[in-house]
Amino acid sequence: MTWLTFALLTVLSWGVYGILLHKARSLMPMGPETPNAGLKAFLFVCVAYALIGVIAAFVLKARGTNWSFAGPDGNGIPMSLIAGLAGALGAFTLVLALGAAATPIAKGGGGFGLAAAAAVMPIVFAGAPIVNTVVAMFVHPPEGGWAKLPPLFIVGCFLAAGGAFLVAKFAPSNRGGSSHAPAKPQAEAPAANP
């Protein structure tokens, strides 16, 4: 059950990621610097990734790795870098999404203010598994072909997408505290001067 423990730890860490990232963004200088706040937060996300990479190197050393990165089917470094680019690009566009969702509607944004993470993250976390599964089916086609997809799989994809919409639309933080009131645009929180 080690895999499940690690999977649940990932759910926990990624579950708070958007909220923490958006909070970090809101603590950056605002005013003329508001468009740069998310990128400033992302800069330190990248520093954190580098720190975790150093920890991973120490774990490899502690496990007595031979430091070879080529297996029987080729070198794993290029695909690892591509995977890292996909992850980093996703984190980068997440920062942009959080910033746009927090921007007042009058300025072309989503108007969610400090509740932007509650609007953005359900879409990300429900959409990503659907994309993951579909891409995995291209890499490893289903037995019997695409025509043999189980109907409940298709239903599950629609439920995941619909669930993401419902969670994002009706989250109490997006609705001014009332489950029946329309979403209220929130003003951008002013940053405290150091």
C-alpha atoms as a PDB file:
ATOM      1  CA  MET A   1       0.000   0.000   0.000  1.00  0.00           C
ATOM      2  CA  THR A   2       3.045   2.302  -0.231  1.00  0.00           C
ATOM      3  CA  TRP A   3       1.802   3.578  -3.587  1.00  0.00           C
ATOM      4  CA  LEU A   4      -1.516   4.596  -2.042  1.00  0.00           C
ATOM      5  CA  THR A   5       0.213   6.425   0.817  1.00  0.00           C
ATOM      6  CA  PHE A   6       2.332   8.393  -1.639  1.00  0.00           C
ATOM      7  CA  ALA A   7      -0.698   9.042  -3.857  1.00  0.00           C
ATOM      8  CA  LEU A   8      -2.635  10.430  -0.898  1.00  0.00           C
ATOM      9  CA  LEU A   9       0.343  12.587   0.120  1.00  0.00           C
ATOM     10  CA  THR A  10       0.370  13.945  -3.431  1.00  0.00           C
ATOM     11  CA  VAL A  11      -3.352  14.690  -3.199  1.00  0.00           C
ATOM     12  CA  LEU A  12      -2.702  16.539   0.058  1.00  0.00           C
ATOM     13  CA  SER A  13       0.251  18.572  -1.225  1.00  0.00           C
ATOM     14  CA  TRP A  14      -1.332  19.401  -4.591  1.00  0.00           C
ATOM     15  CA  GLY A  15      -4.654  20.033  -2.880  1.00  0.00           C
ATOM     16  CA  VAL A  16      -3.169  22.954  -0.956  1.00  0.00           C
ATOM     17  CA  TYR A  17      -0.804  24.041  -3.757  1.00  0.00           C
ATOM     18  CA  GLY A  18      -3.181  26.414  -5.540  1.00  0.00           C
ATOM     19  CA  ILE A  19      -4.355  28.042  -2.324  1.00  0.00           C
ATOM     20  CA  LEU A  20      -0.793  28.556  -1.071  1.00  0.00           C
ATOM     21  CA  LEU A  21       0.365  29.809  -4.471  1.00  0.00           C
ATOM     22  CA  HIS A  22      -2.494  32.291  -4.700  1.00  0.00           C
ATOM     23  CA  LYS A  23      -1.845  33.473  -1.128  1.00  0.00           C
ATOM     24  CA  ALA A  24       1.842  33.987  -2.035  1.00  0.00           C
ATOM     25  CA  ARG A  25       0.733  35.953  -5.097  1.00  0.00           C
ATOM     26  CA  SER A  26      -1.521  38.177  -2.956  1.00  0.00           C
ATOM     27  CA  LEU A  27       1.393  38.953  -0.605  1.00  0.00           C
ATOM     28  CA  MET A  28       3.558  40.301  -3.427  1.00  0.00           C
ATOM     29  CA  PRO A  29       3.586  44.050  -4.217  1.00  0.00           C
ATOM     30  CA  MET A  30       0.375  45.157  -5.915  1.00  0.00           C
ATOM     31  CA  GLY A  31      -0.654  48.358  -7.664  1.00  0.00           C
ATOM     32  CA  PRO A  32       1.461  48.733 -10.795  1.00  0.00           C
ATOM     33  CA  GLU A  33       3.159  45.427  -9.913  1.00  0.00           C
ATOM     34  CA  THR A  34      -0.089  43.399  -9.782  1.00  0.00           C
ATOM     35  CA  PRO A  35       0.489  41.837 -13.245  1.00  0.00           C
ATOM     36  CA  ASN A  36       3.891  40.587 -12.013  1.00  0.00           C
ATOM     37  CA  ALA A  37       2.749  39.253  -8.637  1.00  0.00           C
ATOM     38  CA  GLY A  38       2.027  35.726  -9.883  1.00  0.00           C
ATOM     39  CA  LEU A  39       5.315  35.480 -11.749  1.00  0.00           C
ATOM     40  CA  LYS A  40       7.182  36.636  -8.643  1.00  0.00           C
ATOM     41  CA  ALA A  41       5.503  33.855  -6.664  1.00  0.00           C
ATOM     42  CA  PHE A  42       6.297  31.375  -9.462  1.00  0.00           C
ATOM     43  CA  LEU A  43       9.971  32.340  -9.289  1.00  0.00           C
ATOM     44  CA  PHE A  44      10.127  31.002  -5.741  1.00  0.00           C
ATOM     45  CA  VAL A  45       8.116  27.918  -6.712  1.00  0.00           C
ATOM     46  CA  CYS A  46      10.991  27.190  -9.108  1.00  0.00           C
ATOM     47  CA  VAL A  47      13.515  27.699  -6.290  1.00  0.00           C
ATOM     48  CA  ALA A  48      11.512  25.199  -4.210  1.00  0.00           C
ATOM     49  CA  TYR A  49      11.581  22.677  -7.082  1.00  0.00           C
ATOM     50  CA  ALA A  50      15.374  23.041  -7.223  1.00  0.00           C
ATOM     51  CA  LEU A  51      15.617  22.437  -3.465  1.00  0.00           C
ATOM     52  CA  ILE A  52      13.494  19.281  -3.766  1.00  0.00           C
ATOM     53  CA  GLY A  53      15.764  18.190  -6.648  1.00  0.00           C
ATOM     54  CA  VAL A  54      18.776  18.461  -4.340  1.00  0.00           C
ATOM     55  CA  ILE A  55      16.937  16.353  -1.757  1.00  0.00           C
ATOM     56  CA  ALA A  56      16.171  13.763  -4.474  1.00  0.00           C
ATOM     57  CA  ALA A  57      19.906  13.574  -5.273  1.00  0.00           C
ATOM     58  CA  PHE A  58      20.662  12.878  -1.604  1.00  0.00           C
ATOM     59  CA  VAL A  59      17.967  10.164  -1.525  1.00  0.00           C
ATOM     60  CA  LEU A  60      19.526   8.561  -4.621  1.00  0.00           C
ATOM     61  CA  LYS A  61      22.945   8.669  -2.983  1.00  0.00           C
ATOM     62  CA  ALA A  62      21.573   7.162   0.243  1.00  0.00           C
ATOM     63  CA  ARG A  63      20.027   4.329  -1.782  1.00  0.00           C
ATOM     64  CA  GLY A  64      23.397   3.624  -3.387  1.00  0.00           C
ATOM     65  CA  THR A  65      22.446   4.464  -6.961  1.00  0.00           C
ATOM     66  CA  ASN A  66      24.933   3.772  -9.758  1.00  0.00           C
ATOM     67  CA  TRP A  67      24.070   7.183 -11.351  1.00  0.00           C
ATOM     68  CA  SER A  68      23.287   5.597 -14.722  1.00  0.00           C
ATOM     69  CA  PHE A  69      20.281   7.095 -16.499  1.00  0.00           C
ATOM     70  CA  ALA A  70      20.095   4.746 -19.506  1.00  0.00           C
ATOM     71  CA  GLY A  71      17.895   1.669 -19.410  1.00  0.00           C
ATOM     72  CA  PRO A  72      17.287  -1.143 -21.902  1.00  0.00           C
ATOM     73  CA  ASP A  73      14.950   1.063 -23.966  1.00  0.00           C
ATOM     74  CA  GLY A  74      17.117   4.207 -24.029  1.00  0.00           C
ATOM     75  CA  ASN A  75      18.195   7.194 -21.982  1.00  0.00           C
ATOM     76  CA  GLY A  76      15.626   8.492 -19.485  1.00  0.00           C
ATOM     77  CA  ILE A  77      17.036  12.002 -19.264  1.00  0.00           C
ATOM     78  CA  PRO A  78      15.357  13.574 -22.351  1.00  0.00           C
ATOM     79  CA  MET A  79      11.884  12.284 -21.447  1.00  0.00           C
ATOM     80  CA  SER A  80      12.402  13.337 -17.808  1.00  0.00           C
ATOM     81  CA  LEU A  81      13.252  16.845 -18.994  1.00  0.00           C
ATOM     82  CA  ILE A  82      10.160  16.902 -21.215  1.00  0.00           C
ATOM     83  CA  ALA A  83       8.059  15.765 -18.241  1.00  0.00           C
ATOM     84  CA  GLY A  84       9.642  18.508 -16.138  1.00  0.00           C
ATOM     85  CA  LEU A  85       8.886  21.078 -18.825  1.00  0.00           C
ATOM     86  CA  ALA A  86       5.254  19.935 -18.917  1.00  0.00           C
ATOM     87  CA  GLY A  87       5.009  20.215 -15.132  1.00  0.00           C
ATOM     88  CA  ALA A  88       6.732  23.599 -15.024  1.00  0.00           C
ATOM     89  CA  LEU A  89       4.600  24.915 -17.897  1.00  0.00           C
ATOM     90  CA  GLY A  90       1.507  23.752 -16.012  1.00  0.00           C
ATOM     91  CA  ALA A  91       2.657  25.552 -12.865  1.00  0.00           C
ATOM     92  CA  PHE A  92       3.407  28.661 -14.941  1.00  0.00           C
ATOM     93  CA  THR A  93      -0.006  28.698 -16.621  1.00  0.00           C
ATOM     94  CA  LEU A  94      -1.634  27.982 -13.241  1.00  0.00           C
ATOM     95  CA  VAL A  95      -0.059  31.174 -11.897  1.00  0.00           C
ATOM     96  CA  LEU A  96      -1.442  33.056 -14.897  1.00  0.00           C
ATOM     97  CA  ALA A  97      -4.892  31.496 -14.399  1.00  0.00           C
ATOM     98  CA  LEU A  98      -4.951  32.426 -10.705  1.00  0.00           C
ATOM     99  CA  GLY A  99      -3.964  35.997 -11.534  1.00  0.00           C
ATOM    100  CA  ALA A 100      -6.597  36.316 -14.248  1.00  0.00           C
ATOM    101  CA  ALA A 101      -9.287  34.776 -12.027  1.00  0.00           C
ATOM    102  CA  ALA A 102      -8.412  37.216  -9.229  1.00  0.00           C
ATOM    103  CA  THR A 103      -8.521  40.261 -11.509  1.00  0.00           C
ATOM    104  CA  PRO A 104     -11.746  42.290 -11.216  1.00  0.00           C
ATOM    105  CA  ILE A 105     -14.335  41.678 -13.934  1.00  0.00           C
ATOM    106  CA  ALA A 106     -14.179  45.371 -14.900  1.00  0.00           C
ATOM    107  CA  LYS A 107     -10.529  44.796 -15.875  1.00  0.00           C
ATOM    108  CA  GLY A 108     -11.280  41.671 -17.908  1.00  0.00           C
ATOM    109  CA  GLY A 109     -10.678  39.081 -15.193  1.00  0.00           C
ATOM    110  CA  GLY A 110     -12.764  36.527 -13.403  1.00  0.00           C
ATOM    111  CA  GLY A 111     -13.555  38.761 -10.426  1.00  0.00           C
ATOM    112  CA  PHE A 112     -12.901  36.068  -7.818  1.00  0.00           C
ATOM    113  CA  GLY A 113     -10.313  38.062  -5.863  1.00  0.00           C
ATOM    114  CA  LEU A 114      -8.882  36.067  -2.989  1.00  0.00           C
ATOM    115  CA  ALA A 115     -11.163  33.113  -3.850  1.00  0.00           C
ATOM    116  CA  ALA A 116      -9.509  32.590  -7.265  1.00  0.00           C
ATOM    117  CA  ALA A 117      -7.986  29.269  -6.192  1.00  0.00           C
ATOM    118  CA  ALA A 118     -11.457  27.900  -5.395  1.00  0.00           C
ATOM    119  CA  ALA A 119     -12.493  28.677  -8.973  1.00  0.00           C
ATOM    120  CA  VAL A 120      -9.348  27.548 -10.803  1.00  0.00           C
ATOM    121  CA  MET A 121      -8.167  24.442  -8.968  1.00  0.00           C
ATOM    122  CA  PRO A 122     -11.285  22.253  -9.440  1.00  0.00           C
ATOM    123  CA  ILE A 123     -10.983  22.766 -13.198  1.00  0.00           C
ATOM    124  CA  VAL A 124      -7.288  21.858 -13.111  1.00  0.00           C
ATOM    125  CA  PHE A 125      -7.670  18.825 -10.876  1.00  0.00           C
ATOM    126  CA  ALA A 126     -10.682  17.369 -12.683  1.00  0.00           C
ATOM    127  CA  GLY A 127      -9.414  18.164 -16.151  1.00  0.00           C
ATOM    128  CA  ALA A 128      -5.887  16.806 -15.696  1.00  0.00           C
ATOM    129  CA  PRO A 129      -6.948  13.194 -14.976  1.00  0.00           C
ATOM    130  CA  ILE A 130      -9.171  13.185 -18.062  1.00  0.00           C
ATOM    131  CA  VAL A 131      -6.302  14.453 -20.238  1.00  0.00           C
ATOM    132  CA  ASN A 132      -3.943  11.964 -18.559  1.00  0.00           C
ATOM    133  CA  THR A 133      -6.226   9.025 -19.305  1.00  0.00           C
ATOM    134  CA  VAL A 134      -6.870  10.011 -22.912  1.00  0.00           C
ATOM    135  CA  VAL A 135      -3.146  10.558 -23.615  1.00  0.00           C
ATOM    136  CA  ALA A 136      -2.344   7.237 -21.903  1.00  0.00           C
ATOM    137  CA  MET A 137      -4.824   5.531 -24.262  1.00  0.00           C
ATOM    138  CA  PHE A 138      -2.930   6.948 -27.249  1.00  0.00           C
ATOM    139  CA  VAL A 139       0.347   5.634 -25.823  1.00  0.00           C
ATOM    140  CA  HIS A 140      -1.188   2.286 -24.797  1.00  0.00           C
ATOM    141  CA  PRO A 141      -4.333   1.809 -26.931  1.00  0.00           C
ATOM    142  CA  PRO A 142      -7.205   0.012 -25.223  1.00  0.00           C
ATOM    143  CA  GLU A 143      -7.568  -3.688 -25.890  1.00  0.00           C
ATOM    144  CA  GLY A 144     -10.094  -4.140 -28.658  1.00  0.00           C
ATOM    145  CA  GLY A 145      -9.651  -0.572 -29.906  1.00  0.00           C
ATOM    146  CA  TRP A 146     -11.411   2.681 -29.163  1.00  0.00           C
ATOM    147  CA  ALA A 147     -14.804   1.233 -30.048  1.00  0.00           C
ATOM    148  CA  LYS A 148     -14.498  -1.101 -27.046  1.00  0.00           C
ATOM    149  CA  LEU A 149     -14.237   1.703 -24.471  1.00  0.00           C
ATOM    150  CA  PRO A 150     -16.484   0.906 -21.504  1.00  0.00           C
ATOM    151  CA  PRO A 151     -19.508   3.223 -21.457  1.00  0.00           C
ATOM    152  CA  LEU A 152     -18.907   3.926 -17.768  1.00  0.00           C
ATOM    153  CA  PHE A 153     -15.491   5.370 -18.689  1.00  0.00           C
ATOM    154  CA  ILE A 154     -17.179   7.911 -20.965  1.00  0.00           C
ATOM    155  CA  VAL A 155     -19.749   8.638 -18.242  1.00  0.00           C
ATOM    156  CA  GLY A 156     -16.907   9.071 -15.730  1.00  0.00           C
ATOM    157  CA  CYS A 157     -15.187  11.650 -17.950  1.00  0.00           C
ATOM    158  CA  PHE A 158     -18.405  13.652 -18.210  1.00  0.00           C
ATOM    159  CA  LEU A 159     -18.996  13.350 -14.458  1.00  0.00           C
ATOM    160  CA  ALA A 160     -15.451  14.555 -13.709  1.00  0.00           C
ATOM    161  CA  ALA A 161     -15.855  17.558 -16.013  1.00  0.00           C
ATOM    162  CA  GLY A 162     -19.331  18.316 -14.681  1.00  0.00           C
ATOM    163  CA  GLY A 163     -18.165  17.875 -11.104  1.00  0.00           C
ATOM    164  CA  ALA A 164     -15.313  20.319 -11.656  1.00  0.00           C
ATOM    165  CA  PHE A 165     -17.765  22.882 -12.990  1.00  0.00           C
ATOM    166  CA  LEU A 166     -20.140  22.407 -10.046  1.00  0.00           C
ATOM    167  CA  VAL A 167     -17.367  22.587  -7.433  1.00  0.00           C
ATOM    168  CA  ALA A 168     -15.870  25.715  -9.007  1.00  0.00           C
ATOM    169  CA  LYS A 169     -19.239  27.421  -9.574  1.00  0.00           C
ATOM    170  CA  PHE A 170     -20.842  26.670  -6.225  1.00  0.00           C
ATOM    171  CA  ALA A 171     -17.877  26.783  -3.827  1.00  0.00           C
ATOM    172  CA  PRO A 172     -19.028  28.901  -0.854  1.00  0.00           C
ATOM    173  CA  SER A 173     -15.928  31.100  -1.164  1.00  0.00           C
ATOM    174  CA  ASN A 174     -16.989  31.968  -4.728  1.00  0.00           C
ATOM    175  CA  ARG A 175     -20.543  32.858  -3.798  1.00  0.00           C
ATOM    176  CA  GLY A 176     -20.233  35.472  -1.080  1.00  0.00           C
ATOM    177  CA  GLY A 177     -20.941  32.922   1.671  1.00  0.00           C
ATOM    178  CA  SER A 178     -24.447  32.024   0.476  1.00  0.00           C
ATOM    179  CA  SER A 179     -25.238  28.926  -1.533  1.00  0.00           C
ATOM    180  CA  HIS A 180     -27.918  30.865  -3.416  1.00  0.00           C
ATOM    181  CA  ALA A 181     -26.388  34.318  -3.900  1.00  0.00           C
ATOM    182  CA  PRO A 182     -24.657  35.105  -7.204  1.00  0.00           C
ATOM    183  CA  ALA A 183     -20.887  35.280  -7.168  1.00  0.00           C
ATOM    184  CA  LYS A 184     -19.681  38.709  -6.107  1.00  0.00           C
ATOM    185  CA  PRO A 185     -16.586  40.178  -7.689  1.00  0.00           C
ATOM    186  CA  GLN A 186     -13.964  40.787  -5.039  1.00  0.00           C
ATOM    187  CA  ALA A 187     -11.544  43.659  -5.036  1.00  0.00           C
ATOM    188  CA  GLU A 188      -7.844  42.922  -5.196  1.00  0.00           C
ATOM    189  CA  ALA A 189      -6.410  42.931  -1.670  1.00  0.00           C
ATOM    190  CA  PRO A 190      -3.969  45.786  -1.158  1.00  0.00           C
ATOM    191  CA  ALA A 191      -0.462  44.705  -0.245  1.00  0.00           C
ATOM    192  CA  ALA A 192       1.017  45.920   2.997  1.00  0.00           C
ATOM    193  CA  ASN A 193       4.068  48.071   2.533  1.00  0.00           C
ATOM    194  CA  PRO A 194       7.197  46.631   4.179  1.00  0.00           C
END
